[in-house]
Amino acid sequence: KIQIKFNDVADVNKFVHVVSGYDSDVDLYCGSYCVDAKSILGIMTIDLRNQMWVTCNGNRQEKERLVNDLSWVAVA
């Protein structure tokens, strides 16, 4: 579970491009909403100002790679 924050729509585009490279499911949670993190339309339906979390249903190596790939948008 990775907490993330987008600064603008360009961040969303880059995020979708990164997570689309994964074979496993990647989900984005915002409150009680869950959208496919590979879907730019799904992401644009949520309020980007709120706290969000990303989860990956892949193996351990894939999850570790995702943490590294999303470090630029992760909240410390």
PDB file of N, CA and C in Angstrom:
ATOM      1  N   LYS A   1       0.855  -1.174   0.000  1.00  0.00           N
ATOM      2  CA  LYS A   1       0.000   0.000   0.000  1.00  0.00           C
ATOM      3  C   LYS A   1       0.898   1.233   0.000  1.00  0.00           C
ATOM      4  N   ILE A   2       0.771   2.039  -1.050  1.00  0.00           N
ATOM      5  CA  ILE A   2       1.603   3.227  -1.224  1.00  0.00           C
ATOM      6  C   ILE A   2       0.689   4.451  -1.230  1.00  0.00           C
ATOM      7  N   GLN A   3       0.948   5.400  -0.337  1.00  0.00           N
ATOM      8  CA  GLN A   3       0.172   6.634  -0.351  1.00  0.00           C
ATOM      9  C   GLN A   3       0.782   7.558  -1.397  1.00  0.00           C
ATOM     10  N   ILE A   4      -0.084   8.136  -2.247  1.00  0.00           N
ATOM     11  CA  ILE A   4       0.410   9.005  -3.314  1.00  0.00           C
ATOM     12  C   ILE A   4      -0.367  10.312  -3.354  1.00  0.00           C
ATOM     13  N   LYS A   5       0.203  11.279  -4.067  1.00  0.00           N
ATOM     14  CA  LYS A   5      -0.429  12.588  -4.260  1.00  0.00           C
ATOM     15  C   LYS A   5      -0.052  13.088  -5.639  1.00  0.00           C
ATOM     16  N   PHE A   6      -1.056  13.492  -6.412  1.00  0.00           N
ATOM     17  CA  PHE A   6      -0.819  14.073  -7.726  1.00  0.00           C
ATOM     18  C   PHE A   6      -0.810  15.589  -7.615  1.00  0.00           C
ATOM     19  N   ASN A   7       0.124  16.235  -8.315  1.00  0.00           N
ATOM     20  CA  ASN A   7       0.178  17.697  -8.333  1.00  0.00           C
ATOM     21  C   ASN A   7      -0.646  18.286  -9.475  1.00  0.00           C
ATOM     22  N   ASP A   8      -0.743  17.537 -10.576  1.00  0.00           N
ATOM     23  CA  ASP A   8      -1.486  18.029 -11.731  1.00  0.00           C
ATOM     24  C   ASP A   8      -1.840  16.858 -12.656  1.00  0.00           C
ATOM     25  N   VAL A   9      -2.505  17.159 -13.748  1.00  0.00           N
ATOM     26  CA  VAL A   9      -2.943  16.127 -14.682  1.00  0.00           C
ATOM     27  C   VAL A   9      -1.749  15.453 -15.357  1.00  0.00           C
ATOM     28  N   ALA A  10      -0.658  16.172 -15.519  1.00  0.00           N
ATOM     29  CA  ALA A  10       0.548  15.567 -16.102  1.00  0.00           C
ATOM     30  C   ALA A  10       1.046  14.427 -15.213  1.00  0.00           C
ATOM     31  N   ASP A  11       0.934  14.595 -13.898  1.00  0.00           N
ATOM     32  CA  ASP A  11       1.310  13.518 -12.982  1.00  0.00           C
ATOM     33  C   ASP A  11       0.426  12.291 -13.190  1.00  0.00           C
ATOM     34  N   VAL A  12      -0.857  12.513 -13.419  1.00  0.00           N
ATOM     35  CA  VAL A  12      -1.790  11.406 -13.649  1.00  0.00           C
ATOM     36  C   VAL A  12      -1.396  10.655 -14.915  1.00  0.00           C
ATOM     37  N   ASN A  13      -1.094  11.391 -15.973  1.00  0.00           N
ATOM     38  CA  ASN A  13      -0.687  10.762 -17.237  1.00  0.00           C
ATOM     39  C   ASN A  13       0.571   9.918 -17.057  1.00  0.00           C
ATOM     40  N   LYS A  14       1.564  10.457 -16.362  1.00  0.00           N
ATOM     41  CA  LYS A  14       2.813   9.731 -16.128  1.00  0.00           C
ATOM     42  C   LYS A  14       2.548   8.499 -15.261  1.00  0.00           C
ATOM     43  N   PHE A  15       1.711   8.650 -14.231  1.00  0.00           N
ATOM     44  CA  PHE A  15       1.366   7.551 -13.341  1.00  0.00           C
ATOM     45  C   PHE A  15       0.727   6.398 -14.124  1.00  0.00           C
ATOM     46  N   VAL A  16      -0.260   6.715 -14.966  1.00  0.00           N
ATOM     47  CA  VAL A  16      -0.946   5.687 -15.756  1.00  0.00           C
ATOM     48  C   VAL A  16       0.041   5.001 -16.693  1.00  0.00           C
ATOM     49  N   HIS A  17       0.943   5.753 -17.278  1.00  0.00           N
ATOM     50  CA  HIS A  17       1.946   5.171 -18.159  1.00  0.00           C
ATOM     51  C   HIS A  17       2.830   4.183 -17.395  1.00  0.00           C
ATOM     52  N   VAL A  18       3.242   4.543 -16.178  1.00  0.00           N
ATOM     53  CA  VAL A  18       4.099   3.677 -15.367  1.00  0.00           C
ATOM     54  C   VAL A  18       3.372   2.398 -14.973  1.00  0.00           C
ATOM     55  N   VAL A  19       2.170   2.526 -14.402  1.00  0.00           N
ATOM     56  CA  VAL A  19       1.474   1.335 -13.893  1.00  0.00           C
ATOM     57  C   VAL A  19       0.944   0.458 -15.021  1.00  0.00           C
ATOM     58  N   SER A  20       0.760   1.002 -16.201  1.00  0.00           N
ATOM     59  CA  SER A  20       0.306   0.195 -17.331  1.00  0.00           C
ATOM     60  C   SER A  20       1.357  -0.818 -17.765  1.00  0.00           C
ATOM     61  N   GLY A  21       2.591  -0.617 -17.347  1.00  0.00           N
ATOM     62  CA  GLY A  21       3.661  -1.544 -17.668  1.00  0.00           C
ATOM     63  C   GLY A  21       3.673  -2.796 -16.797  1.00  0.00           C
ATOM     64  N   TYR A  22       2.745  -2.880 -15.850  1.00  0.00           N
ATOM     65  CA  TYR A  22       2.673  -4.034 -14.953  1.00  0.00           C
ATOM     66  C   TYR A  22       1.606  -5.008 -15.438  1.00  0.00           C
ATOM     67  N   ASP A  23       1.917  -6.301 -15.371  1.00  0.00           N
ATOM     68  CA  ASP A  23       0.958  -7.329 -15.778  1.00  0.00           C
ATOM     69  C   ASP A  23      -0.139  -7.530 -14.741  1.00  0.00           C
ATOM     70  N   SER A  24       0.189  -7.346 -13.481  1.00  0.00           N
ATOM     71  CA  SER A  24      -0.789  -7.591 -12.411  1.00  0.00           C
ATOM     72  C   SER A  24      -1.737  -6.395 -12.256  1.00  0.00           C
ATOM     73  N   ASP A  25      -2.801  -6.626 -11.489  1.00  0.00           N
ATOM     74  CA  ASP A  25      -3.770  -5.566 -11.223  1.00  0.00           C
ATOM     75  C   ASP A  25      -3.151  -4.526 -10.293  1.00  0.00           C
ATOM     76  N   VAL A  26      -3.374  -3.262 -10.617  1.00  0.00           N
ATOM     77  CA  VAL A  26      -2.958  -2.157  -9.768  1.00  0.00           C
ATOM     78  C   VAL A  26      -4.207  -1.318  -9.536  1.00  0.00           C
ATOM     79  N   ASP A  27      -4.544  -1.098  -8.270  1.00  0.00           N
ATOM     80  CA  ASP A  27      -5.751  -0.364  -7.920  1.00  0.00           C
ATOM     81  C   ASP A  27      -5.400   0.924  -7.204  1.00  0.00           C
ATOM     82  N   LEU A  28      -6.255   1.924  -7.388  1.00  0.00           N
ATOM     83  CA  LEU A  28      -6.091   3.215  -6.741  1.00  0.00           C
ATOM     84  C   LEU A  28      -7.312   3.444  -5.857  1.00  0.00           C
ATOM     85  N   TYR A  29      -7.064   3.685  -4.576  1.00  0.00           N
ATOM     86  CA  TYR A  29      -8.135   3.905  -3.605  1.00  0.00           C
ATOM     87  C   TYR A  29      -8.148   5.361  -3.169  1.00  0.00           C
ATOM     88  N   CYS A  30      -9.348   5.908  -3.086  1.00  0.00           N
ATOM     89  CA  CYS A  30      -9.544   7.267  -2.580  1.00  0.00           C
ATOM     90  C   CYS A  30     -10.792   7.214  -1.712  1.00  0.00           C
ATOM     91  N   GLY A  31     -10.601   7.210  -0.400  1.00  0.00           N
ATOM     92  CA  GLY A  31     -11.733   7.031   0.502  1.00  0.00           C
ATOM     93  C   GLY A  31     -12.345   5.665   0.273  1.00  0.00           C
ATOM     94  N   SER A  32     -13.649   5.640   0.002  1.00  0.00           N
ATOM     95  CA  SER A  32     -14.333   4.365  -0.234  1.00  0.00           C
ATOM     96  C   SER A  32     -14.360   3.974  -1.712  1.00  0.00           C
ATOM     97  N   TYR A  33     -13.758   4.790  -2.566  1.00  0.00           N
ATOM     98  CA  TYR A  33     -13.733   4.504  -4.001  1.00  0.00           C
ATOM     99  C   TYR A  33     -12.482   3.726  -4.387  1.00  0.00           C
ATOM    100  N   CYS A  34     -12.650   2.822  -5.323  1.00  0.00           N
ATOM    101  CA  CYS A  34     -11.535   2.054  -5.873  1.00  0.00           C
ATOM    102  C   CYS A  34     -11.656   2.083  -7.389  1.00  0.00           C
ATOM    103  N   VAL A  35     -10.574   2.479  -8.062  1.00  0.00           N
ATOM    104  CA  VAL A  35     -10.570   2.494  -9.527  1.00  0.00           C
ATOM    105  C   VAL A  35      -9.344   1.744 -10.029  1.00  0.00           C
ATOM    106  N   ASP A  36      -9.422   1.290 -11.257  1.00  0.00           N
ATOM    107  CA  ASP A  36      -8.288   0.659 -11.926  1.00  0.00           C
ATOM    108  C   ASP A  36      -7.224   1.732 -12.154  1.00  0.00           C
ATOM    109  N   ALA A  37      -6.047   1.542 -11.580  1.00  0.00           N
ATOM    110  CA  ALA A  37      -4.985   2.542 -11.682  1.00  0.00           C
ATOM    111  C   ALA A  37      -4.449   2.682 -13.109  1.00  0.00           C
ATOM    112  N   LYS A  38      -4.776   1.743 -13.975  1.00  0.00           N
ATOM    113  CA  LYS A  38      -4.339   1.810 -15.368  1.00  0.00           C
ATOM    114  C   LYS A  38      -5.324   2.584 -16.236  1.00  0.00           C
ATOM    115  N   SER A  39      -6.422   3.050 -15.641  1.00  0.00           N
ATOM    116  CA  SER A  39      -7.468   3.753 -16.374  1.00  0.00           C
ATOM    117  C   SER A  39      -7.429   5.242 -16.076  1.00  0.00           C
ATOM    118  N   ILE A  40      -7.008   6.033 -17.056  1.00  0.00           N
ATOM    119  CA  ILE A  40      -6.960   7.478 -16.849  1.00  0.00           C
ATOM    120  C   ILE A  40      -8.371   8.031 -16.628  1.00  0.00           C
ATOM    121  N   LEU A  41      -9.368   7.462 -17.302  1.00  0.00           N
ATOM    122  CA  LEU A  41     -10.744   7.920 -17.089  1.00  0.00           C
ATOM    123  C   LEU A  41     -11.215   7.594 -15.679  1.00  0.00           C
ATOM    124  N   GLY A  42     -10.860   6.429 -15.178  1.00  0.00           N
ATOM    125  CA  GLY A  42     -11.230   6.068 -13.818  1.00  0.00           C
ATOM    126  C   GLY A  42     -10.613   7.009 -12.801  1.00  0.00           C
ATOM    127  N   ILE A  43      -9.354   7.331 -12.988  1.00  0.00           N
ATOM    128  CA  ILE A  43      -8.668   8.228 -12.058  1.00  0.00           C
ATOM    129  C   ILE A  43      -9.269   9.626 -12.106  1.00  0.00           C
ATOM    130  N   MET A  44      -9.638  10.073 -13.287  1.00  0.00           N
ATOM    131  CA  MET A  44     -10.181  11.427 -13.416  1.00  0.00           C
ATOM    132  C   MET A  44     -11.573  11.566 -12.801  1.00  0.00           C
ATOM    133  N   THR A  45     -12.211  10.458 -12.419  1.00  0.00           N
ATOM    134  CA  THR A  45     -13.527  10.541 -11.776  1.00  0.00           C
ATOM    135  C   THR A  45     -13.424  10.809 -10.281  1.00  0.00           C
ATOM    136  N   ILE A  46     -12.214  10.743  -9.724  1.00  0.00           N
ATOM    137  CA  ILE A  46     -12.057  10.995  -8.295  1.00  0.00           C
ATOM    138  C   ILE A  46     -11.422  12.362  -8.071  1.00  0.00           C
ATOM    139  N   ASP A  47     -11.584  12.886  -6.881  1.00  0.00           N
ATOM    140  CA  ASP A  47     -11.027  14.190  -6.527  1.00  0.00           C
ATOM    141  C   ASP A  47      -9.530  14.018  -6.262  1.00  0.00           C
ATOM    142  N   LEU A  48      -8.708  14.573  -7.112  1.00  0.00           N
ATOM    143  CA  LEU A  48      -7.263  14.377  -7.036  1.00  0.00           C
ATOM    144  C   LEU A  48      -6.622  15.088  -5.850  1.00  0.00           C
ATOM    145  N   ARG A  49      -7.384  15.916  -5.145  1.00  0.00           N
ATOM    146  CA  ARG A  49      -6.849  16.624  -3.974  1.00  0.00           C
ATOM    147  C   ARG A  49      -6.865  15.761  -2.720  1.00  0.00           C
ATOM    148  N   ASN A  50      -7.599  14.661  -2.747  1.00  0.00           N
ATOM    149  CA  ASN A  50      -7.719  13.784  -1.581  1.00  0.00           C
ATOM    150  C   ASN A  50      -6.547  12.822  -1.482  1.00  0.00           C
ATOM    151  N   GLN A  51      -6.390  12.214  -0.297  1.00  0.00           N
ATOM    152  CA  GLN A  51      -5.373  11.190  -0.110  1.00  0.00           C
ATOM    153  C   GLN A  51      -5.744   9.955  -0.919  1.00  0.00           C
ATOM    154  N   MET A  52      -4.738   9.343  -1.521  1.00  0.00           N
ATOM    155  CA  MET A  52      -4.957   8.151  -2.331  1.00  0.00           C
ATOM    156  C   MET A  52      -3.907   7.101  -2.000  1.00  0.00           C
ATOM    157  N   TRP A  53      -4.277   5.846  -2.196  1.00  0.00           N
ATOM    158  CA  TRP A  53      -3.375   4.721  -1.974  1.00  0.00           C
ATOM    159  C   TRP A  53      -3.389   3.810  -3.179  1.00  0.00           C
ATOM    160  N   VAL A  54      -2.234   3.250  -3.483  1.00  0.00           N
ATOM    161  CA  VAL A  54      -2.087   2.311  -4.589  1.00  0.00           C
ATOM    162  C   VAL A  54      -1.773   0.940  -4.011  1.00  0.00           C
ATOM    163  N   THR A  55      -2.426  -0.074  -4.558  1.00  0.00           N
ATOM    164  CA  THR A  55      -2.096  -1.449  -4.200  1.00  0.00           C
ATOM    165  C   THR A  55      -1.819  -2.232  -5.476  1.00  0.00           C
ATOM    166  N   CYS A  56      -0.973  -3.240  -5.340  1.00  0.00           N
ATOM    167  CA  CYS A  56      -0.611  -4.100  -6.463  1.00  0.00           C
ATOM    168  C   CYS A  56      -0.836  -5.546  -6.049  1.00  0.00           C
ATOM    169  N   ASN A  57      -1.460  -6.311  -6.913  1.00  0.00           N
ATOM    170  CA  ASN A  57      -1.745  -7.711  -6.619  1.00  0.00           C
ATOM    171  C   ASN A  57      -0.702  -8.653  -7.197  1.00  0.00           C
ATOM    172  N   GLY A  58       0.495  -8.137  -7.432  1.00  0.00           N
ATOM    173  CA  GLY A  58       1.554  -8.950  -8.011  1.00  0.00           C
ATOM    174  C   GLY A  58       2.397  -9.646  -6.964  1.00  0.00           C
ATOM    175  N   ASN A  59       3.479 -10.247  -7.422  1.00  0.00           N
ATOM    176  CA  ASN A  59       4.395 -10.928  -6.506  1.00  0.00           C
ATOM    177  C   ASN A  59       5.266  -9.894  -5.775  1.00  0.00           C
ATOM    178  N   ARG A  60       6.079 -10.380  -4.870  1.00  0.00           N
ATOM    179  CA  ARG A  60       6.886  -9.497  -4.018  1.00  0.00           C
ATOM    180  C   ARG A  60       7.829  -8.611  -4.835  1.00  0.00           C
ATOM    181  N   GLN A  61       8.469  -9.195  -5.838  1.00  0.00           N
ATOM    182  CA  GLN A  61       9.403  -8.428  -6.673  1.00  0.00           C
ATOM    183  C   GLN A  61       8.683  -7.314  -7.427  1.00  0.00           C
ATOM    184  N   GLU A  62       7.511  -7.615  -7.939  1.00  0.00           N
ATOM    185  CA  GLU A  62       6.751  -6.618  -8.683  1.00  0.00           C
ATOM    186  C   GLU A  62       6.308  -5.487  -7.750  1.00  0.00           C
ATOM    187  N   LYS A  63       5.918  -5.834  -6.531  1.00  0.00           N
ATOM    188  CA  LYS A  63       5.509  -4.810  -5.562  1.00  0.00           C
ATOM    189  C   LYS A  63       6.678  -3.903  -5.198  1.00  0.00           C
ATOM    190  N   GLU A  64       7.851  -4.479  -5.013  1.00  0.00           N
ATOM    191  CA  GLU A  64       9.035  -3.682  -4.699  1.00  0.00           C
ATOM    192  C   GLU A  64       9.397  -2.760  -5.861  1.00  0.00           C
ATOM    193  N   ARG A  65       9.265  -3.275  -7.067  1.00  0.00           N
ATOM    194  CA  ARG A  65       9.560  -2.455  -8.254  1.00  0.00           C
ATOM    195  C   ARG A  65       8.571  -1.304  -8.358  1.00  0.00           C
ATOM    196  N   LEU A  66       7.290  -1.567  -8.021  1.00  0.00           N
ATOM    197  CA  LEU A  66       6.273  -0.521  -8.072  1.00  0.00           C
ATOM    198  C   LEU A  66       6.582   0.587  -7.065  1.00  0.00           C
ATOM    199  N   VAL A  67       7.012   0.210  -5.877  1.00  0.00           N
ATOM    200  CA  VAL A  67       7.380   1.213  -4.865  1.00  0.00           C
ATOM    201  C   VAL A  67       8.469   2.129  -5.419  1.00  0.00           C
ATOM    202  N   ASN A  68       9.473   1.548  -6.064  1.00  0.00           N
ATOM    203  CA  ASN A  68      10.553   2.348  -6.656  1.00  0.00           C
ATOM    204  C   ASN A  68      10.054   3.203  -7.818  1.00  0.00           C
ATOM    205  N   ASP A  69       9.233   2.627  -8.668  1.00  0.00           N
ATOM    206  CA  ASP A  69       8.744   3.349  -9.849  1.00  0.00           C
ATOM    207  C   ASP A  69       7.838   4.517  -9.485  1.00  0.00           C
ATOM    208  N   LEU A  70       7.182   4.437  -8.319  1.00  0.00           N
ATOM    209  CA  LEU A  70       6.255   5.504  -7.917  1.00  0.00           C
ATOM    210  C   LEU A  70       6.820   6.430  -6.848  1.00  0.00           C
ATOM    211  N   SER A  71       8.120   6.349  -6.608  1.00  0.00           N
ATOM    212  CA  SER A  71       8.724   7.180  -5.567  1.00  0.00           C
ATOM    213  C   SER A  71       8.552   8.669  -5.827  1.00  0.00           C
ATOM    214  N   TRP A  72       8.444   9.066  -7.077  1.00  0.00           N
ATOM    215  CA  TRP A  72       8.296  10.477  -7.439  1.00  0.00           C
ATOM    216  C   TRP A  72       6.932  11.040  -7.052  1.00  0.00           C
ATOM    217  N   VAL A  73       5.934  10.194  -6.850  1.00  0.00           N
ATOM    218  CA  VAL A  73       4.595  10.663  -6.513  1.00  0.00           C
ATOM    219  C   VAL A  73       4.171  10.202  -5.105  1.00  0.00           C
ATOM    220  N   ALA A  74       5.016   9.425  -4.439  1.00  0.00           N
ATOM    221  CA  ALA A  74       4.691   8.893  -3.116  1.00  0.00           C
ATOM    222  C   ALA A  74       4.778   9.988  -2.052  1.00  0.00           C
ATOM    223  N   VAL A  75       3.887   9.876  -1.080  1.00  0.00           N
ATOM    224  CA  VAL A  75       3.890  10.794   0.055  1.00  0.00           C
ATOM    225  C   VAL A  75       4.767  10.187   1.132  1.00  0.00           C
ATOM    226  N   ALA A  76       5.711  10.961   1.625  1.00  0.00           N
ATOM    227  CA  ALA A  76       6.652  10.445   2.645  1.00  0.00           C
ATOM    228  C   ALA A  76       5.994  10.295   3.999  1.00  0.00           C
TER     229      ALA A  76
END
